[in-house]
Protein backbone atom coordinates (compact mmCIF):
# COMPACT_ATOMS: atom_id res chain seq x y z
CA UNK A 1 -29.11 -207.45 175.20
CA UNK A 2 -32.25 -209.81 176.36
CA UNK A 3 -33.15 -210.31 172.56
CA UNK A 4 -30.18 -212.36 172.02
CA UNK A 5 -31.08 -214.26 175.39
CA UNK A 6 -34.40 -215.13 174.34
CA UNK A 7 -35.22 -219.17 173.58
CA UNK A 8 -37.37 -221.34 173.27
CA UNK A 9 -40.82 -220.12 172.71
CA UNK A 10 -40.06 -216.43 173.43
CA UNK A 11 -37.55 -216.48 171.12
CA UNK A 12 -39.69 -217.84 167.95
CA UNK A 13 -42.41 -214.95 168.92
CA UNK A 14 -39.61 -212.11 168.62
CA UNK A 15 -39.25 -213.03 165.32
CA UNK A 16 -42.22 -213.13 164.31
CA UNK A 17 -42.15 -209.40 166.38
CA UNK A 18 -39.30 -208.66 163.98
CA UNK A 19 -40.41 -209.95 160.57
CA UNK A 20 -44.73 -208.81 161.13
CA UNK A 21 -43.14 -204.78 161.95
CA UNK A 22 -40.31 -204.89 160.11
CA UNK A 23 -37.73 -204.17 162.59
CA UNK A 24 -33.98 -203.65 163.20
CA UNK A 25 -32.94 -205.21 166.87
CA UNK A 26 -29.73 -202.79 166.27
CA UNK A 27 -32.70 -200.10 166.50
CA UNK A 28 -34.38 -201.07 169.44
CA UNK A 29 -34.54 -199.70 172.56
CA UNK A 30 -35.07 -201.36 176.00
CA UNK A 31 -38.32 -199.49 176.65
CA UNK A 32 -39.68 -200.71 173.05
CA UNK A 33 -39.06 -204.06 173.71
CA UNK A 34 -40.47 -204.58 177.15
CA UNK A 35 -43.86 -202.72 175.90
CA UNK A 36 -43.97 -205.40 173.13
CA UNK A 37 -42.70 -208.17 175.77
CA UNK A 38 -45.60 -206.65 178.75
CA UNK A 39 -48.35 -206.87 175.54
CA UNK A 40 -47.85 -210.40 174.83
CA UNK A 41 -46.66 -211.80 178.04
CA UNK A 42 -48.15 -210.44 180.76
CA UNK A 43 -51.35 -209.58 180.56
CA UNK A 44 -54.15 -206.93 181.80
CA UNK A 45 -55.53 -209.56 184.65
CA UNK A 46 -51.63 -210.70 185.44
CA UNK A 47 -51.26 -207.49 186.65
CA UNK A 48 -54.55 -206.69 188.77
CA UNK A 49 -53.65 -210.18 190.27
CA UNK A 50 -50.05 -208.82 191.86
CA UNK A 51 -51.70 -205.45 192.29
CA UNK A 52 -54.69 -207.39 194.64
CA UNK A 53 -52.05 -209.31 196.33
CA UNK A 54 -49.89 -206.25 197.03
CA UNK A 55 -52.83 -204.94 198.98
CA UNK A 56 -54.17 -207.94 200.23
CA UNK A 57 -50.14 -208.53 201.95
CA UNK A 58 -50.07 -209.59 205.65
CA UNK A 59 -46.79 -210.76 207.65
CA UNK A 60 -48.77 -213.63 209.26
CA UNK A 61 -46.25 -215.93 209.22
CA UNK A 62 -43.84 -215.02 207.16
CA UNK A 63 -40.39 -213.27 208.60
CA UNK A 64 -40.22 -209.90 208.72
CA UNK A 65 -37.26 -210.42 205.86
CA UNK A 66 -39.63 -212.37 203.64
CA UNK A 67 -42.38 -209.86 204.41
CA UNK A 68 -40.15 -206.93 203.36
CA UNK A 69 -39.09 -209.18 199.72
CA UNK A 70 -42.51 -209.86 199.16
CA UNK A 71 -43.65 -206.53 199.31
CA UNK A 72 -40.63 -204.84 197.39
CA UNK A 73 -41.28 -207.68 194.51
CA UNK A 74 -44.60 -206.42 193.63
CA UNK A 75 -44.02 -203.03 194.63
CA UNK A 76 -43.39 -202.74 191.14
CA UNK A 77 -46.83 -203.83 190.02
CA UNK A 78 -48.46 -200.28 191.89
CA UNK A 79 -46.54 -197.90 189.62
CA UNK A 80 -48.78 -194.67 191.09
CA UNK A 81 -47.71 -195.05 194.39
CA UNK A 82 -44.87 -192.99 193.79
CA UNK A 83 -44.85 -190.82 196.93
CA UNK A 84 -42.82 -192.70 200.02
CA UNK A 85 -44.66 -191.16 202.45
CA UNK A 86 -48.22 -194.00 200.89
CA UNK A 87 -45.08 -196.61 200.58
CA UNK A 88 -44.27 -196.05 203.97
CA UNK A 89 -48.61 -196.85 205.04
CA UNK A 90 -48.44 -199.45 202.53
CA UNK A 91 -45.93 -200.64 204.43
CA UNK A 92 -47.34 -200.78 207.81
CA UNK A 93 -50.55 -201.60 207.34
CA UNK A 94 -49.18 -205.04 206.41
CA UNK A 95 -47.46 -205.31 209.78
CA UNK A 96 -49.12 -206.48 213.18
CA UNK A 97 -50.51 -203.87 215.43
CA UNK A 98 -48.02 -203.44 218.17
CA UNK A 99 -44.72 -203.30 215.24
CA UNK A 100 -46.91 -200.24 213.38
CA UNK A 101 -47.57 -198.70 216.63
CA UNK A 102 -44.12 -198.46 217.53
CA UNK A 103 -42.33 -197.99 213.75
CA UNK A 104 -45.49 -195.24 213.34
CA UNK A 105 -43.89 -193.31 216.65
CA UNK A 106 -40.63 -193.20 215.16
CA UNK A 107 -42.14 -191.40 212.21
CA UNK A 108 -39.63 -192.55 209.10
CA UNK A 109 -39.41 -190.56 205.86
CA UNK A 110 -38.43 -193.37 203.25
CA UNK A 111 -39.57 -197.07 202.73
CA UNK A 112 -36.06 -198.23 203.69
CA UNK A 113 -36.10 -196.50 207.09
CA UNK A 114 -39.52 -197.74 207.95
CA UNK A 115 -38.30 -201.80 206.64
CA UNK A 116 -35.21 -201.44 208.99
CA UNK A 117 -37.24 -200.30 211.79
CA UNK A 118 -39.69 -203.58 211.05
CA UNK A 119 -36.52 -205.39 210.96
CA UNK A 120 -35.31 -204.51 214.40
CA UNK A 121 -38.81 -204.40 216.22
CA UNK A 122 -38.93 -208.31 214.87
CA UNK A 123 -35.80 -209.08 215.87
CA UNK A 124 -36.44 -207.54 219.95
CA UNK A 125 -39.92 -209.34 220.12
CA UNK A 126 -38.56 -212.87 218.57
CA UNK A 127 -35.71 -212.56 220.97
CA UNK A 128 -38.10 -211.51 224.03
CA UNK A 129 -40.45 -214.49 222.68
CA UNK A 130 -37.07 -217.28 222.84
CA UNK A 131 -36.22 -216.04 226.34
CA UNK A 132 -39.52 -216.20 228.05
CA UNK A 133 -39.53 -219.06 230.26
CA UNK A 134 -41.88 -222.13 229.61
CA UNK A 135 -45.04 -222.14 231.61
CA UNK A 136 -44.80 -226.08 232.38
CA UNK A 137 -41.22 -225.83 233.84
CA UNK A 138 -42.34 -223.65 236.35
CA UNK A 139 -41.59 -225.07 239.49
CA UNK A 140 -44.61 -224.64 241.82
CA UNK A 141 -46.60 -224.43 237.93
CA UNK A 142 -49.59 -227.16 237.20
CA UNK A 143 -47.29 -229.88 236.92
CA UNK A 144 -48.07 -231.05 240.53
CA UNK A 145 -51.61 -230.62 240.47
CA UNK A 146 -52.91 -233.93 240.53
CA UNK A 147 -50.17 -234.80 243.37
CA UNK A 148 -50.91 -231.47 245.36
CA UNK A 149 -55.00 -232.15 244.95
CA UNK A 150 -54.84 -235.51 246.21
CA UNK A 151 -53.15 -234.61 249.22
CA UNK A 152 -55.38 -232.40 249.87
CA UNK A 153 -58.50 -234.54 249.83
CA UNK A 154 -55.99 -237.04 252.63
CA UNK A 155 -55.15 -234.26 254.62
CA UNK A 156 -58.57 -232.91 254.85
CA UNK A 157 -60.90 -235.33 253.65
CA UNK A 158 -64.35 -235.52 251.90
CA UNK A 159 -66.71 -233.34 254.14
CA UNK A 160 -69.91 -235.09 251.80
C-alpha cells in the first residue's frame, strides 16, 4: 500500500530501485520495503540524533501530555530498550524529582502505568499552583509597606 502512495522524489527513487534490483512489486513485503526506504532516506546520523534527543528529553516547559507523546515518538529510535522496567526508568528520568519520587514509590510495572501516574501528579500539581493565593493580593502583605513605613517615622520620629 505504501508503494502506491509514493509521490515526487520518493516515487522516482522507488522506480529506480525496482528497475536496478529487478523487483516485482506484488512480491515486496513491508519489511523489505522499509529496509530499502530506511537505507535511502534515513541515515545513521539521523538515528543517532533521534537517540540523543530521546536521552536528553526532560519535562522542562512541556506539559506532561506533550512529554509522554514526545517520549513515545522517540522510543522507536531506541530499539534495544525492550523491557518495561528500562522504559519506565528512562521515562522517570525525564521528570522533576518530586514527580519521579511519588511515582517510584508506587512502583509502576509498565510504561503506560508510569505515564498515567505522571499525568495524575502533574494535574494535581497544576491545581495546587492555580489555587495558591497570590502574595501581592494577601491582606496585610507588603502592598502598604510605604504607607506603614511613613506612619512609623511620623509617630516615632527620627532619632538622629
